[in-house]
Amino acid sequence: MNTHGPIDRTLPEPAPFAFTGDSPERPHRYLLTPQEAERGLGLSPEVASVVVVGGGMSGLISAYTLRDLNPIVLEQATRFGGNARGESWRGMDYSIGAAYFSAPDPTSKLLSLYRELGIPELIREKSSDDPVALGGHIRHGFWNEYPPLSHYLKRINLGQDDEFPDIPPLSESQRKRLDELDRLSLKEHLVQKVGKLPPALSTLVDYYCWSSMNAASCEVSAASGLNFLLGETNPIWVAPGGNAALAGRILERLCRHLPNGNLRPQSLVFRVKALGPIVEIVYLNAQDEVRKIHAKAVVLSCPKFVVGRLLDGIESERKTAISKLKYRGYLVANLLLEKVAPIDFYDLFVLGDRPTQFPVTDVIYGNFVSAKPHGTILTLYRPMARDGYRDELLDPNAYQRLRSEFEREIETNLMPLKPFRAAKQVELRIARWGHPIPVSSQGVFSQKVVDKIRKPFVQRVFFVEQDNWMTPALETGAIEALTWETAIRKTIRT
């Protein structure tokens, strides 16, 4: 667990002057030029009931639901967890990716899963509003300063207005509602429902959309945008180290249940091919040796643009649908501080002068669950909200340039705020994510794009990932894992 768990507790102080997060060199080398990995394909195959490709949150949950079938989990990175990863500083775990999730409905299958995993004992619930830093001051209640918007969201949550846009939808009427909302952007929908927002609130909505969905309110489908905004009005669950704590808890259970060697980090899959009643998976192990597995079923818990490169014989309809999807890059910086005044927020949106093309949208209190007298961690979110920008993150000079931009924003917009004026900055650590967030663009629901990308392939290859519904949320992948479990089991029995 120490070497492949979601939380890296091995970083020295100070940490190396480089990005953490994803490491794209190896997958780019083999997935972009797969002919390099053609050697050794005559090897005898290993046999398994089910293989899960991708050890992020969706893949771990899918493997956990199928744990009695002894799934093999292949993860290309050194550590499991995907974007639900974390690091540690002076005994305090913090998130370098996904940091929190919504409190589940009391009757939901998710709550049963969380209880089974012991998640409620890990978390601290956040139910207060998200304040806004504006004009050098922290203002609480800012979201409620325009009553038409706050009242509209409240009415939906109380069932007094339009139906709540659950994603995935729970009924045909909910799916119809998603399709209707999907024909408008979130910005267009809010103008229709509550009128033109005041300038500062309009900017705040954009910052929220950038932070959560990596796109502006005029780009985001009203279906996904409204789903996210409404979710923020409900209690939020936060664990130490963010969602990495949940990924770690699942990995611990899998380590106890599965045979030794079934959890395989640094295993890069480059071909998945249906061969009649079995599916062949070809991958490179940690030593760059080609290996082959024959399985009765495969779960692809990797982004769909990766599916397009792995899946042999992919249908033209699915390939066309995948080509319509967008993914964008993201940066998460953690500022390590000493001598900080008491903090009375979890998530602070920072509006102010912007020296960079992509602003730091918001800052969370990184050790919200485990406050310590000897230090404070602030997690800064910076979405790279433009198509194609992730390629620039690979530039050899990107780290120094982006670090300098973070430092300017910290000095200009964060350190002048009252809780931080006397704080001592100890260190800044930056995680790079090349394409972690699927953009919830208009048309993915109403044009049936999601239906085409998530349907099983030859009834033996299943897709369990947050981008099944193009909604970057833990809940989306978890619900998909629970949804497809029965069909996967049926396939394995046949």
Foldseek 3Di string as FASTA:
>chain_A
DQFAAQEPAPADVVGDLDAAADDCPVCCVCLVPVVVQPPPPVDDAAEFAEEEEAQALLSLLLCLLVLVRQYFYEHQARYGHRQLGWYDDPHFIFAFGAFWAFDDDPPDPVVVVCVVLVVVVFWDKDQAAAWEQDPQETDGPPLCPQVQVVVVLVCQVVVNDDDQQDVVDPDPVSLVVLLVQLQAFLQVVCCVRRNDDDPVVQVLLQLVCCQFFVAGSRFFRNSQSSNVVSSSNHMMIGGGNGCSVVSNSSVVVSVVRHDPPSYAYSKAWQAWEDDPQWIKIWTQGNVRDIHIYTHRFYEYADDVVSVLRHYPPDDPLLNVLSVPWAFFKWKKKKWKKADFADDDRAKYAWDDDAPDPWRQGIKGFGRPPPDDNGITIIMTITTPRDGPCLVVCPPPCNSVVVVVRVVVCCVPTPCSHDRRVPMDTRDMHMHIDSTLAIHNGRPCSNVVSLVSNQDADVLRYGYQYQCSNRGPGSVNSSVSSVVCSVSSVVSSVD
